[in-house]
Amino acid sequence: MKNHLLAQAYQLLEPSVTGMKEVNADNFVLYLKGLYLAIFTATIALSILMFTLGGLEYILSAIPGVKGAGKDKMVNALWGLGIALASYLILNTINPDLVSLKALTTILSGTHN
């Protein structure tokens, strides 16, 4: 007998964007993978956007306070990007299954010993 975190598959009233008709353990892991990828992509895109906006403030302003604020935006964007990339690299170095969510798939499917 398999132990499932989700006792029964939940029947969706309408198929989702991905075409799923029911939610089960495998779909949940796919959802988490997609959410993780979306958050990571948004972090990278927003840090590039903030770096660009900070660079424009720094280049186009003659006011020292605004130049300083632009420089701070650029530095903070690089820190944010560095933290996001470092967290991925640390998790991948410790165990690549942490990034691929393979362990979660095993736990939810009930195939672990």
C-alpha atoms as a PDB file:
ATOM      1  CA  MET A   1       0.000   0.000   0.000  1.00  0.00           C
ATOM      2  CA  LYS A   2       1.411   3.375  -1.007  1.00  0.00           C
ATOM      3  CA  ASN A   3       1.438   6.314   1.386  1.00  0.00           C
ATOM      4  CA  HIS A   4       0.479   9.487  -0.411  1.00  0.00           C
ATOM      5  CA  LEU A   5       0.660  12.985   0.935  1.00  0.00           C
ATOM      6  CA  LEU A   6      -2.313  13.778  -1.252  1.00  0.00           C
ATOM      7  CA  ALA A   7      -4.821  11.056  -0.355  1.00  0.00           C
ATOM      8  CA  GLN A   8      -6.893  11.350  -3.506  1.00  0.00           C
ATOM      9  CA  ALA A   9      -6.476  12.989  -6.839  1.00  0.00           C
ATOM     10  CA  TYR A  10      -8.421  16.221  -6.981  1.00  0.00           C
ATOM     11  CA  GLN A  11     -10.608  16.491 -10.076  1.00  0.00           C
ATOM     12  CA  LEU A  12     -10.349  19.966 -11.597  1.00  0.00           C
ATOM     13  CA  LEU A  13     -13.564  21.579 -12.802  1.00  0.00           C
ATOM     14  CA  GLU A  14     -11.836  22.873 -15.901  1.00  0.00           C
ATOM     15  CA  PRO A  15      -8.486  21.773 -17.365  1.00  0.00           C
ATOM     16  CA  SER A  16      -5.687  24.125 -16.414  1.00  0.00           C
ATOM     17  CA  VAL A  17      -3.405  25.996 -18.794  1.00  0.00           C
ATOM     18  CA  THR A  18      -1.005  23.053 -18.800  1.00  0.00           C
ATOM     19  CA  GLY A  19      -3.809  20.658 -19.748  1.00  0.00           C
ATOM     20  CA  MET A  20      -3.891  18.843 -16.401  1.00  0.00           C
ATOM     21  CA  LYS A  21      -7.251  17.245 -15.696  1.00  0.00           C
ATOM     22  CA  GLU A  22      -6.480  16.186 -12.122  1.00  0.00           C
ATOM     23  CA  VAL A  23      -3.974  17.124  -9.451  1.00  0.00           C
ATOM     24  CA  ASN A  24      -1.874  14.307  -8.055  1.00  0.00           C
ATOM     25  CA  ALA A  25       1.611  13.977  -6.593  1.00  0.00           C
ATOM     26  CA  ASP A  26       3.389  14.130  -9.956  1.00  0.00           C
ATOM     27  CA  ASN A  27       1.448  17.197 -11.070  1.00  0.00           C
ATOM     28  CA  PHE A  28       2.166  18.890  -7.742  1.00  0.00           C
ATOM     29  CA  VAL A  29       5.904  18.424  -8.243  1.00  0.00           C
ATOM     30  CA  LEU A  30       5.617  19.783 -11.783  1.00  0.00           C
ATOM     31  CA  TYR A  31       3.758  22.772 -10.350  1.00  0.00           C
ATOM     32  CA  LEU A  32       6.511  23.381  -7.789  1.00  0.00           C
ATOM     33  CA  LYS A  33       9.191  23.080 -10.483  1.00  0.00           C
ATOM     34  CA  GLY A  34       7.359  25.614 -12.617  1.00  0.00           C
ATOM     35  CA  LEU A  35       6.897  27.950  -9.656  1.00  0.00           C
ATOM     36  CA  TYR A  36      10.589  27.670  -8.746  1.00  0.00           C
ATOM     37  CA  LEU A  37      11.634  28.391 -12.321  1.00  0.00           C
ATOM     38  CA  ALA A  38       9.220  31.337 -12.587  1.00  0.00           C
ATOM     39  CA  ILE A  39      10.480  32.911  -9.350  1.00  0.00           C
ATOM     40  CA  PHE A  40      14.114  32.401 -10.347  1.00  0.00           C
ATOM     41  CA  THR A  41      13.463  33.885 -13.814  1.00  0.00           C
ATOM     42  CA  ALA A  42      11.596  36.849 -12.313  1.00  0.00           C
ATOM     43  CA  THR A  43      14.472  37.465  -9.900  1.00  0.00           C
ATOM     44  CA  ILE A  44      16.975  37.582 -12.743  1.00  0.00           C
ATOM     45  CA  ALA A  45      14.757  39.776 -14.928  1.00  0.00           C
ATOM     46  CA  LEU A  46      13.988  42.226 -12.117  1.00  0.00           C
ATOM     47  CA  SER A  47      17.625  42.532 -11.098  1.00  0.00           C
ATOM     48  CA  ILE A  48      18.580  43.296 -14.709  1.00  0.00           C
ATOM     49  CA  LEU A  49      15.770  45.868 -14.874  1.00  0.00           C
ATOM     50  CA  MET A  50      16.835  47.521 -11.610  1.00  0.00           C
ATOM     51  CA  PHE A  51      20.472  47.576 -12.715  1.00  0.00           C
ATOM     52  CA  THR A  52      19.431  49.257 -15.960  1.00  0.00           C
ATOM     53  CA  LEU A  53      17.248  51.829 -14.186  1.00  0.00           C
ATOM     54  CA  GLY A  54      20.024  52.564 -11.703  1.00  0.00           C
ATOM     55  CA  GLY A  55      22.486  52.961 -14.556  1.00  0.00           C
ATOM     56  CA  LEU A  56      20.176  55.403 -16.322  1.00  0.00           C
ATOM     57  CA  GLU A  57      19.776  57.424 -13.112  1.00  0.00           C
ATOM     58  CA  TYR A  58      23.530  57.467 -12.639  1.00  0.00           C
ATOM     59  CA  ILE A  59      24.288  58.508 -16.223  1.00  0.00           C
ATOM     60  CA  LEU A  60      21.491  61.009 -16.831  1.00  0.00           C
ATOM     61  CA  SER A  61      21.463  62.884 -13.527  1.00  0.00           C
ATOM     62  CA  ALA A  62      23.670  65.812 -12.592  1.00  0.00           C
ATOM     63  CA  ILE A  63      22.419  65.873  -8.988  1.00  0.00           C
ATOM     64  CA  PRO A  64      24.834  64.086  -6.651  1.00  0.00           C
ATOM     65  CA  GLY A  65      22.068  62.600  -4.485  1.00  0.00           C
ATOM     66  CA  VAL A  66      20.286  61.060  -7.467  1.00  0.00           C
ATOM     67  CA  LYS A  67      23.602  59.789  -8.844  1.00  0.00           C
ATOM     68  CA  GLY A  68      24.241  58.113  -5.487  1.00  0.00           C
ATOM     69  CA  ALA A  69      20.760  56.570  -5.485  1.00  0.00           C
ATOM     70  CA  GLY A  70      21.346  55.216  -8.997  1.00  0.00           C
ATOM     71  CA  LYS A  71      24.667  53.719  -7.942  1.00  0.00           C
ATOM     72  CA  ASP A  72      22.994  52.146  -4.888  1.00  0.00           C
ATOM     73  CA  LYS A  73      20.304  50.603  -7.123  1.00  0.00           C
ATOM     74  CA  MET A  74      22.973  49.094  -9.343  1.00  0.00           C
ATOM     75  CA  VAL A  75      24.899  47.664  -6.378  1.00  0.00           C
ATOM     76  CA  ASN A  76      21.736  46.272  -4.763  1.00  0.00           C
ATOM     77  CA  ALA A  77      20.654  44.670  -8.057  1.00  0.00           C
ATOM     78  CA  LEU A  78      24.024  42.935  -8.321  1.00  0.00           C
ATOM     79  CA  TRP A  79      23.758  41.761  -4.694  1.00  0.00           C
ATOM     80  CA  GLY A  80      20.284  40.350  -5.329  1.00  0.00           C
ATOM     81  CA  LEU A  81      21.414  38.569  -8.476  1.00  0.00           C
ATOM     82  CA  GLY A  82      24.467  37.225  -6.665  1.00  0.00           C
ATOM     83  CA  ILE A  83      22.388  35.893  -3.768  1.00  0.00           C
ATOM     84  CA  ALA A  84      19.938  34.184  -6.135  1.00  0.00           C
ATOM     85  CA  LEU A  85      22.714  32.539  -8.152  1.00  0.00           C
ATOM     86  CA  ALA A  86      24.682  31.587  -5.037  1.00  0.00           C
ATOM     87  CA  SER A  87      21.642  29.919  -3.472  1.00  0.00           C
ATOM     88  CA  TYR A  88      21.149  27.834  -6.608  1.00  0.00           C
ATOM     89  CA  LEU A  89      24.833  26.886  -6.739  1.00  0.00           C
ATOM     90  CA  ILE A  90      24.942  25.975  -3.031  1.00  0.00           C
ATOM     91  CA  LEU A  91      21.853  23.765  -3.286  1.00  0.00           C
ATOM     92  CA  ASN A  92      23.152  22.169  -6.477  1.00  0.00           C
ATOM     93  CA  THR A  93      26.556  21.515  -4.859  1.00  0.00           C
ATOM     94  CA  ILE A  94      25.052  19.962  -1.722  1.00  0.00           C
ATOM     95  CA  ASN A  95      22.711  17.682  -3.642  1.00  0.00           C
ATOM     96  CA  PRO A  96      21.514  18.180  -7.248  1.00  0.00           C
ATOM     97  CA  ASP A  97      18.223  16.504  -6.306  1.00  0.00           C
ATOM     98  CA  LEU A  98      17.378  19.544  -4.164  1.00  0.00           C
ATOM     99  CA  VAL A  99      17.237  21.717  -7.272  1.00  0.00           C
ATOM    100  CA  SER A 100      15.493  19.150  -9.468  1.00  0.00           C
ATOM    101  CA  LEU A 101      12.969  18.293  -6.702  1.00  0.00           C
ATOM    102  CA  LYS A 102      13.622  14.578  -7.275  1.00  0.00           C
ATOM    103  CA  ALA A 103      13.432  13.879  -3.530  1.00  0.00           C
ATOM    104  CA  LEU A 104      10.004  15.506  -3.338  1.00  0.00           C
ATOM    105  CA  THR A 105       8.800  13.343  -6.220  1.00  0.00           C
ATOM    106  CA  THR A 106       9.997  10.234  -4.387  1.00  0.00           C
ATOM    107  CA  ILE A 107       8.332  11.249  -1.123  1.00  0.00           C
ATOM    108  CA  LEU A 108       5.008  12.155  -2.702  1.00  0.00           C
ATOM    109  CA  SER A 109       4.853   9.042  -4.864  1.00  0.00           C
ATOM    110  CA  GLY A 110       5.476   6.850  -1.831  1.00  0.00           C
ATOM    111  CA  THR A 111       8.331   4.859  -3.402  1.00  0.00           C
ATOM    112  CA  HIS A 112      10.878   5.663  -0.681  1.00  0.00           C
ATOM    113  CA  ASN A 113      11.997   2.981   1.759  1.00  0.00           C
END
